[in-house]
C-alpha atoms as a PDB file:
ATOM      1  CA  MET A   1      -4.094 200.078 -18.825  1.00  0.00           C
ATOM      2  CA  PRO A   2      -7.212 201.206 -20.744  1.00  0.00           C
ATOM      3  CA  PRO A   3      -7.063 201.023 -24.548  1.00  0.00           C
ATOM      4  CA  VAL A   4      -6.256 204.206 -26.470  1.00  0.00           C
ATOM      5  CA  SER A   5      -6.082 205.095 -30.144  1.00  0.00           C
ATOM      6  CA  GLY A   6      -2.896 206.073 -31.910  1.00  0.00           C
ATOM      7  CA  ALA A   7      -4.146 209.668 -32.158  1.00  0.00           C
ATOM      8  CA  GLU A   8      -4.850 209.787 -28.407  1.00  0.00           C
ATOM      9  CA  MET A   9      -1.405 208.334 -27.632  1.00  0.00           C
ATOM     10  CA  ALA A  10       0.222 210.981 -29.858  1.00  0.00           C
ATOM     11  CA  ALA A  11      -1.760 213.723 -28.066  1.00  0.00           C
ATOM     12  CA  ILE A  12      -0.625 212.389 -24.678  1.00  0.00           C
ATOM     13  CA  LEU A  13       2.998 212.379 -25.828  1.00  0.00           C
ATOM     14  CA  ARG A  14       2.638 215.947 -27.097  1.00  0.00           C
ATOM     15  CA  ARG A  15       1.400 216.974 -23.634  1.00  0.00           C
ATOM     16  CA  ALA A  16       4.608 215.400 -22.301  1.00  0.00           C
ATOM     17  CA  GLY A  17       6.648 217.687 -24.565  1.00  0.00           C
ATOM     18  CA  PHE A  18       7.148 215.488 -27.633  1.00  0.00           C
ATOM     19  CA  ARG A  19       7.050 217.071 -31.103  1.00  0.00           C
ATOM     20  CA  SER A  20       6.232 215.448 -34.422  1.00  0.00           C
ATOM     21  CA  VAL A  21       9.310 214.971 -36.609  1.00  0.00           C
ATOM     22  CA  GLY A  22       7.846 212.914 -39.436  1.00  0.00           C
ATOM     23  CA  ASP A  23       5.559 210.159 -40.561  1.00  0.00           C
ATOM     24  CA  ARG A  24       5.675 207.203 -42.850  1.00  0.00           C
ATOM     25  CA  GLY A  25       2.407 205.612 -43.816  1.00  0.00           C
ATOM     26  CA  PRO A  26       0.254 205.177 -40.726  1.00  0.00           C
ATOM     27  CA  HIS A  27       3.176 205.720 -38.305  1.00  0.00           C
ATOM     28  CA  LEU A  28       3.979 209.029 -36.598  1.00  0.00           C
ATOM     29  CA  LYS A  29       7.501 209.734 -35.360  1.00  0.00           C
ATOM     30  CA  LEU A  30       7.809 211.973 -32.286  1.00  0.00           C
ATOM     31  CA  ARG A  31      10.882 213.392 -30.510  1.00  0.00           C
ATOM     32  CA  SER A  32      11.143 214.393 -26.851  1.00  0.00           C
ATOM     33  CA  PRO A  33      12.987 217.530 -25.703  1.00  0.00           C
ATOM     34  CA  ALA A  34      15.751 215.161 -24.510  1.00  0.00           C
ATOM     35  CA  GLY A  35      16.035 213.654 -28.006  1.00  0.00           C
ATOM     36  CA  ARG A  36      14.201 210.343 -27.480  1.00  0.00           C
ATOM     37  CA  ILE A  37      12.459 209.090 -30.628  1.00  0.00           C
ATOM     38  CA  THR A  38       9.129 207.291 -30.316  1.00  0.00           C
ATOM     39  CA  VAL A  39       7.065 205.813 -33.153  1.00  0.00           C
ATOM     40  CA  VAL A  40       3.266 205.650 -32.777  1.00  0.00           C
ATOM     41  CA  PRO A  41       1.134 203.575 -35.171  1.00  0.00           C
ATOM     42  CA  MET A  42      -2.005 205.577 -35.915  1.00  0.00           C
ATOM     43  CA  HIS A  43      -4.370 202.642 -35.369  1.00  0.00           C
ATOM     44  CA  GLU A  44      -7.944 202.918 -34.119  1.00  0.00           C
ATOM     45  CA  THR A  45      -7.025 200.986 -30.967  1.00  0.00           C
ATOM     46  CA  LEU A  46      -3.503 200.177 -29.771  1.00  0.00           C
ATOM     47  CA  ALA A  47      -2.853 196.783 -28.208  1.00  0.00           C
ATOM     48  CA  ARG A  48      -1.696 196.839 -24.556  1.00  0.00           C
ATOM     49  CA  GLY A  49       1.753 195.548 -25.480  1.00  0.00           C
ATOM     50  CA  THR A  50       2.097 198.249 -28.135  1.00  0.00           C
ATOM     51  CA  GLN A  51       1.083 200.895 -25.590  1.00  0.00           C
ATOM     52  CA  ARG A  52       3.667 199.606 -23.101  1.00  0.00           C
ATOM     53  CA  GLY A  53       6.347 199.581 -25.805  1.00  0.00           C
ATOM     54  CA  ILE A  54       5.580 203.175 -26.789  1.00  0.00           C
ATOM     55  CA  LEU A  55       5.722 204.301 -23.155  1.00  0.00           C
ATOM     56  CA  ARG A  56       9.005 202.411 -22.693  1.00  0.00           C
ATOM     57  CA  GLN A  57      10.487 204.106 -25.796  1.00  0.00           C
ATOM     58  CA  ALA A  58       9.258 207.462 -24.523  1.00  0.00           C
ATOM     59  CA  GLY A  59      10.558 206.925 -20.991  1.00  0.00           C
ATOM     60  CA  ILE A  60       7.109 207.606 -19.500  1.00  0.00           C
ATOM     61  CA  SER A  61       5.806 205.691 -16.471  1.00  0.00           C
ATOM     62  CA  ARG A  62       2.269 204.325 -16.236  1.00  0.00           C
ATOM     63  CA  ASP A  63       1.488 206.882 -13.509  1.00  0.00           C
ATOM     64  CA  THR A  64       2.639 209.750 -15.699  1.00  0.00           C
ATOM     65  CA  PHE A  65       0.657 208.308 -18.607  1.00  0.00           C
ATOM     66  CA  ALA A  66      -2.499 208.163 -16.458  1.00  0.00           C
ATOM     67  CA  ARG A  67      -1.978 211.759 -15.294  1.00  0.00           C
ATOM     68  CA  LEU A  68      -1.432 213.030 -18.853  1.00  0.00           C
ATOM     69  CA  ARG A  69      -4.496 211.112 -20.058  1.00  0.00           C
ATOM     70  CA  GLU A  70      -6.851 212.789 -17.559  1.00  0.00           C
ATOM     71  CA  PRO A  71      -9.151 215.382 -19.112  1.00  0.00           C
ATOM     72  CA  ARG A  72      -7.860 218.897 -18.700  1.00  0.00           C
ATOM     73  CA  THR A  73     -10.018 221.636 -17.323  1.00  0.00           C
ATOM     74  CA  VAL A  74      -9.778 225.075 -18.853  1.00  0.00           C
ATOM     75  CA  ALA A  75      -9.431 227.912 -16.365  1.00  0.00           C
ATOM     76  CA  ARG A  76     -12.092 230.589 -16.525  1.00  0.00           C
ATOM     77  CA  GLY A  77     -11.136 233.153 -19.134  1.00  0.00           C
ATOM     78  CA  ALA A  78      -8.478 230.897 -20.659  1.00  0.00           C
ATOM     79  CA  ARG A  79      -8.635 230.046 -24.323  1.00  0.00           C
ATOM     80  CA  SER A  80      -9.351 226.488 -25.337  1.00  0.00           C
ATOM     81  CA  SER A  81      -7.198 224.678 -27.887  1.00  0.00           C
ATOM     82  CA  LEU A  82     -10.001 225.145 -30.416  1.00  0.00           C
ATOM     83  CA  GLU A  83      -9.733 228.920 -30.106  1.00  0.00           C
ATOM     84  CA  SER A  84      -5.982 229.197 -30.426  1.00  0.00           C
ATOM     85  CA  GLY A  85      -4.736 230.883 -33.547  1.00  0.00           C
ATOM     86  CA  ARG A  86      -8.064 232.542 -34.359  1.00  0.00           C
ATOM     87  CA  GLU A  87      -7.012 236.177 -33.816  1.00  0.00           C
ATOM     88  CA  GLY A  88      -8.607 238.420 -36.391  1.00  0.00           C
ATOM     89  CA  LEU A  89     -11.167 235.826 -37.449  1.00  0.00           C
ATOM     90  CA  PRO A  90     -14.888 236.172 -36.841  1.00  0.00           C
ATOM     91  CA  ALA A  91     -16.295 234.474 -33.732  1.00  0.00           C
ATOM     92  CA  ARG A  92     -17.699 230.984 -34.180  1.00  0.00           C
ATOM     93  CA  ARG A  93     -21.442 230.597 -34.041  1.00  0.00           C
ATOM     94  CA  ASP A  94     -23.107 227.735 -32.261  1.00  0.00           C
ATOM     95  CA  LEU A  95     -25.647 225.982 -34.450  1.00  0.00           C
END
């Protein structure tokens, strides 16, 4: 399993449907739609054992993790995550 950061692990869990329910220090607490609670330390790099423990808490298989980790492609005409919530604001300019 390739190393990931705490922020990347949290993003992967969010793609799986988890929502943030709190934090304490450098730890983020996430809840699944089914009610499972998972705690992610927001470290620069998570150890393999920590990654496995998080996935075990979350009930996510390694295959599902790998699929959720793959880069997403944005369909033509679809809005990227950077553009969401920008209605009524001026367009961004590339520098």
